[in-house]
Amino acid sequence: MFIAGTTVNIQAALAQVSQYWSPRVVGQVNNQYIKVAKLKGELVWHAHADEDEMFLVVYGHLKIQLEDRDIHLMPGEFCVIPRQIRHNPVADEECAIVLIETVTTLHTGAEVVAGSVPIERQLA
C-alpha cells in the first residue's frame, strides 16, 4: 500500500509485480490511481464507460488495438485512451507500464473475464 508524501521508485514497484495483467496501485493523486503493471500477451477488448485511461511504457513495446487503428508505444511514450473507446492492449514480449486511472475504473470495463482484477487486489 502507498503512503501519501513518500517517494515511489517505479522500478522497485515493478519488481514487486509477479503476475502479468495484474496492476498494483502505487500512488494516488486526487481521484486518480497511479498503477504499475507487467504485461505479456493480450488482455481483452473492452472500454471504460466514464473514465479515460493513460498508459506510459517503462520498458518493452505495447500495442493498443483500437477498432480503426493500432497505437504503438515504446519506452518513455504514453497515450490516453478516451472513455467509451474500445481497446485491447497487447504485448508480444514482457512490457512494463504505469497507468493513471480514475479510482472508479474497472480493470476490464464491463467485460468481466477470468483475468479481470478487482480494485481490492490492486490495492494489496
C-alpha atoms as a PDB file:
ATOM      1  CA  MET A   1       0.000   0.000   0.000  1.00  0.00           C
ATOM      2  CA  PHE A   2       1.204   3.510  -0.740  1.00  0.00           C
ATOM      3  CA  ILE A   3       1.603   6.322   1.794  1.00  0.00           C
ATOM      4  CA  ALA A   4       0.993   9.928   0.724  1.00  0.00           C
ATOM      5  CA  GLY A   5       4.103  12.099   0.796  1.00  0.00           C
ATOM      6  CA  THR A   6       6.555   9.224   0.310  1.00  0.00           C
ATOM      7  CA  THR A   7       8.851   8.532  -2.615  1.00  0.00           C
ATOM      8  CA  VAL A   8       7.908   5.734  -5.012  1.00  0.00           C
ATOM      9  CA  ASN A   9      10.575   4.096  -7.163  1.00  0.00           C
ATOM     10  CA  ILE A  10       8.848   2.790 -10.297  1.00  0.00           C
ATOM     11  CA  GLN A  11      11.478   0.076 -10.923  1.00  0.00           C
ATOM     12  CA  ALA A  12      11.193  -1.180  -7.333  1.00  0.00           C
ATOM     13  CA  ALA A  13       7.387  -1.143  -7.560  1.00  0.00           C
ATOM     14  CA  LEU A  14       7.533  -3.144 -10.798  1.00  0.00           C
ATOM     15  CA  ALA A  15       9.890  -5.652  -9.160  1.00  0.00           C
ATOM     16  CA  GLN A  16       7.047  -6.458  -6.750  1.00  0.00           C
ATOM     17  CA  VAL A  17       4.694  -7.347  -9.623  1.00  0.00           C
ATOM     18  CA  SER A  18       4.741 -11.100 -10.181  1.00  0.00           C
ATOM     19  CA  GLN A  19       1.711 -11.647 -12.444  1.00  0.00           C
ATOM     20  CA  TYR A  20       1.031 -10.273 -15.893  1.00  0.00           C
ATOM     21  CA  TRP A  21      -2.073  -8.100 -16.313  1.00  0.00           C
ATOM     22  CA  SER A  22      -2.409  -7.575 -12.563  1.00  0.00           C
ATOM     23  CA  PRO A  23      -1.981  -3.840 -11.850  1.00  0.00           C
ATOM     24  CA  ARG A  24      -0.817  -2.628  -8.440  1.00  0.00           C
ATOM     25  CA  VAL A  25      -1.755   0.777  -7.048  1.00  0.00           C
ATOM     26  CA  VAL A  26       1.410   2.652  -6.031  1.00  0.00           C
ATOM     27  CA  GLY A  27       0.003   6.145  -5.514  1.00  0.00           C
ATOM     28  CA  GLN A  28      -2.999   8.419  -5.710  1.00  0.00           C
ATOM     29  CA  VAL A  29      -3.427  11.989  -6.920  1.00  0.00           C
ATOM     30  CA  ASN A  30      -6.867  13.320  -6.049  1.00  0.00           C
ATOM     31  CA  ASN A  31      -9.283  10.785  -7.552  1.00  0.00           C
ATOM     32  CA  GLN A  32      -6.675   9.175  -9.842  1.00  0.00           C
ATOM     33  CA  TYR A  33      -4.773   5.998  -9.017  1.00  0.00           C
ATOM     34  CA  ILE A  34      -1.212   5.572 -10.240  1.00  0.00           C
ATOM     35  CA  LYS A  35      -0.620   1.906 -11.026  1.00  0.00           C
ATOM     36  CA  VAL A  36       2.222  -0.264 -12.291  1.00  0.00           C
ATOM     37  CA  ALA A  37       1.794  -3.477 -14.254  1.00  0.00           C
ATOM     38  CA  LYS A  38       3.684  -6.017 -16.301  1.00  0.00           C
ATOM     39  CA  LEU A  39       2.039  -7.211 -19.493  1.00  0.00           C
ATOM     40  CA  LYS A  40       2.588 -10.127 -21.849  1.00  0.00           C
ATOM     41  CA  GLY A  41       0.109 -11.470 -24.383  1.00  0.00           C
ATOM     42  CA  GLU A  42      -3.213  -9.686 -24.688  1.00  0.00           C
ATOM     43  CA  LEU A  43      -5.896  -8.673 -22.237  1.00  0.00           C
ATOM     44  CA  VAL A  44      -9.406  -8.392 -23.716  1.00  0.00           C
ATOM     45  CA  TRP A  45     -11.292  -5.930 -25.905  1.00  0.00           C
ATOM     46  CA  HIS A  46     -13.032  -3.533 -23.540  1.00  0.00           C
ATOM     47  CA  ALA A  47     -13.999   0.086 -22.896  1.00  0.00           C
ATOM     48  CA  HIS A  48     -14.447   2.250 -19.837  1.00  0.00           C
ATOM     49  CA  ALA A  49     -17.817   3.998 -19.972  1.00  0.00           C
ATOM     50  CA  ASP A  50     -16.953   7.026 -17.849  1.00  0.00           C
ATOM     51  CA  GLU A  51     -13.157   7.151 -17.462  1.00  0.00           C
ATOM     52  CA  ASP A  52     -10.145   7.997 -19.595  1.00  0.00           C
ATOM     53  CA  GLU A  53      -7.068   5.788 -19.138  1.00  0.00           C
ATOM     54  CA  MET A  54      -3.370   6.701 -19.517  1.00  0.00           C
ATOM     55  CA  PHE A  55      -0.709   4.130 -20.484  1.00  0.00           C
ATOM     56  CA  LEU A  56       3.008   5.008 -20.063  1.00  0.00           C
ATOM     57  CA  VAL A  57       5.560   2.407 -21.171  1.00  0.00           C
ATOM     58  CA  VAL A  58       8.536   1.932 -18.837  1.00  0.00           C
ATOM     59  CA  TYR A  59      10.172  -0.855 -20.845  1.00  0.00           C
ATOM     60  CA  GLY A  60       9.222  -3.084 -23.750  1.00  0.00           C
ATOM     61  CA  HIS A  61       6.714  -2.354 -26.506  1.00  0.00           C
ATOM     62  CA  LEU A  62       2.959  -2.012 -26.084  1.00  0.00           C
ATOM     63  CA  LYS A  63       0.451  -2.174 -28.882  1.00  0.00           C
ATOM     64  CA  ILE A  64      -3.009  -0.872 -28.106  1.00  0.00           C
ATOM     65  CA  GLN A  65      -5.502  -2.098 -30.652  1.00  0.00           C
ATOM     66  CA  LEU A  66      -8.349   0.257 -31.430  1.00  0.00           C
ATOM     67  CA  GLU A  67     -11.222  -0.536 -33.747  1.00  0.00           C
ATOM     68  CA  ASP A  68      -9.803   1.690 -36.506  1.00  0.00           C
ATOM     69  CA  ARG A  69      -6.013   1.514 -35.908  1.00  0.00           C
ATOM     70  CA  ASP A  70      -3.207   0.344 -33.642  1.00  0.00           C
ATOM     71  CA  ILE A  71      -1.162   2.563 -31.323  1.00  0.00           C
ATOM     72  CA  HIS A  72       2.469   1.502 -30.738  1.00  0.00           C
ATOM     73  CA  LEU A  73       4.179   2.745 -27.581  1.00  0.00           C
ATOM     74  CA  MET A  74       7.886   2.484 -26.810  1.00  0.00           C
ATOM     75  CA  PRO A  75       9.682   3.233 -23.509  1.00  0.00           C
ATOM     76  CA  GLY A  76       9.041   6.780 -22.349  1.00  0.00           C
ATOM     77  CA  GLU A  77       5.920   7.173 -24.508  1.00  0.00           C
ATOM     78  CA  PHE A  78       2.357   7.429 -23.299  1.00  0.00           C
ATOM     79  CA  CYS A  79      -1.121   7.792 -24.677  1.00  0.00           C
ATOM     80  CA  VAL A  80      -4.554   8.450 -23.282  1.00  0.00           C
ATOM     81  CA  ILE A  81      -7.424   6.221 -24.312  1.00  0.00           C
ATOM     82  CA  PRO A  82     -10.604   8.282 -24.037  1.00  0.00           C
ATOM     83  CA  ARG A  83     -13.678   6.956 -22.262  1.00  0.00           C
ATOM     84  CA  GLN A  84     -16.000   4.769 -24.323  1.00  0.00           C
ATOM     85  CA  ILE A  85     -13.254   3.816 -26.810  1.00  0.00           C
ATOM     86  CA  ARG A  86     -12.937   0.038 -27.215  1.00  0.00           C
ATOM     87  CA  HIS A  87      -9.325  -1.046 -26.949  1.00  0.00           C
ATOM     88  CA  ASN A  88      -7.192  -4.138 -26.436  1.00  0.00           C
ATOM     89  CA  PRO A  89      -3.659  -3.869 -25.018  1.00  0.00           C
ATOM     90  CA  VAL A  90      -1.181  -6.385 -26.496  1.00  0.00           C
ATOM     91  CA  ALA A  91       2.453  -7.070 -25.561  1.00  0.00           C
ATOM     92  CA  ASP A  92       4.253  -9.710 -27.632  1.00  0.00           C
ATOM     93  CA  GLU A  93       7.129  -9.689 -25.114  1.00  0.00           C
ATOM     94  CA  GLU A  94       7.138  -8.566 -21.486  1.00  0.00           C
ATOM     95  CA  CYS A  95       6.308  -4.894 -21.162  1.00  0.00           C
ATOM     96  CA  ALA A  96       6.073  -2.713 -18.050  1.00  0.00           C
ATOM     97  CA  ILE A  97       3.713   0.213 -17.774  1.00  0.00           C
ATOM     98  CA  VAL A  98       2.449   2.931 -15.498  1.00  0.00           C
ATOM     99  CA  LEU A  99      -1.298   3.515 -15.643  1.00  0.00           C
ATOM    100  CA  ILE A 100      -3.199   6.545 -14.445  1.00  0.00           C
ATOM    101  CA  GLU A 101      -6.872   5.802 -13.964  1.00  0.00           C
ATOM    102  CA  THR A 102      -9.782   7.296 -12.072  1.00  0.00           C
ATOM    103  CA  VAL A 103     -10.428   5.361  -8.846  1.00  0.00           C
ATOM    104  CA  THR A 104     -13.743   4.124 -10.274  1.00  0.00           C
ATOM    105  CA  THR A 105     -12.122   2.482 -13.340  1.00  0.00           C
ATOM    106  CA  LEU A 106     -12.853  -1.232 -13.602  1.00  0.00           C
ATOM    107  CA  HIS A 107      -9.881  -3.252 -14.864  1.00  0.00           C
ATOM    108  CA  THR A 108     -11.622  -4.579 -17.975  1.00  0.00           C
ATOM    109  CA  GLY A 109     -14.618  -2.248 -18.014  1.00  0.00           C
ATOM    110  CA  ALA A 110     -17.934  -4.075 -18.313  1.00  0.00           C
ATOM    111  CA  GLU A 111     -16.113  -7.128 -19.760  1.00  0.00           C
ATOM    112  CA  VAL A 112     -15.627  -9.445 -16.802  1.00  0.00           C
ATOM    113  CA  VAL A 113     -13.220 -12.258 -17.715  1.00  0.00           C
ATOM    114  CA  ALA A 114     -11.012 -14.659 -15.774  1.00  0.00           C
ATOM    115  CA  GLY A 115      -8.169 -12.117 -15.939  1.00  0.00           C
ATOM    116  CA  SER A 116     -10.189  -9.186 -14.527  1.00  0.00           C
ATOM    117  CA  VAL A 117      -8.563  -7.884 -11.352  1.00  0.00           C
ATOM    118  CA  PRO A 118     -10.814  -6.155  -8.789  1.00  0.00           C
ATOM    119  CA  ILE A 119      -9.538  -2.958  -7.206  1.00  0.00           C
ATOM    120  CA  GLU A 120      -9.219  -4.656  -3.804  1.00  0.00           C
ATOM    121  CA  ARG A 121      -6.459  -6.886  -5.241  1.00  0.00           C
ATOM    122  CA  GLN A 122      -4.828  -3.936  -6.995  1.00  0.00           C
ATOM    123  CA  LEU A 123      -4.549  -2.129  -3.648  1.00  0.00           C
ATOM    124  CA  ALA A 124      -2.897  -5.093  -1.884  1.00  0.00           C
END
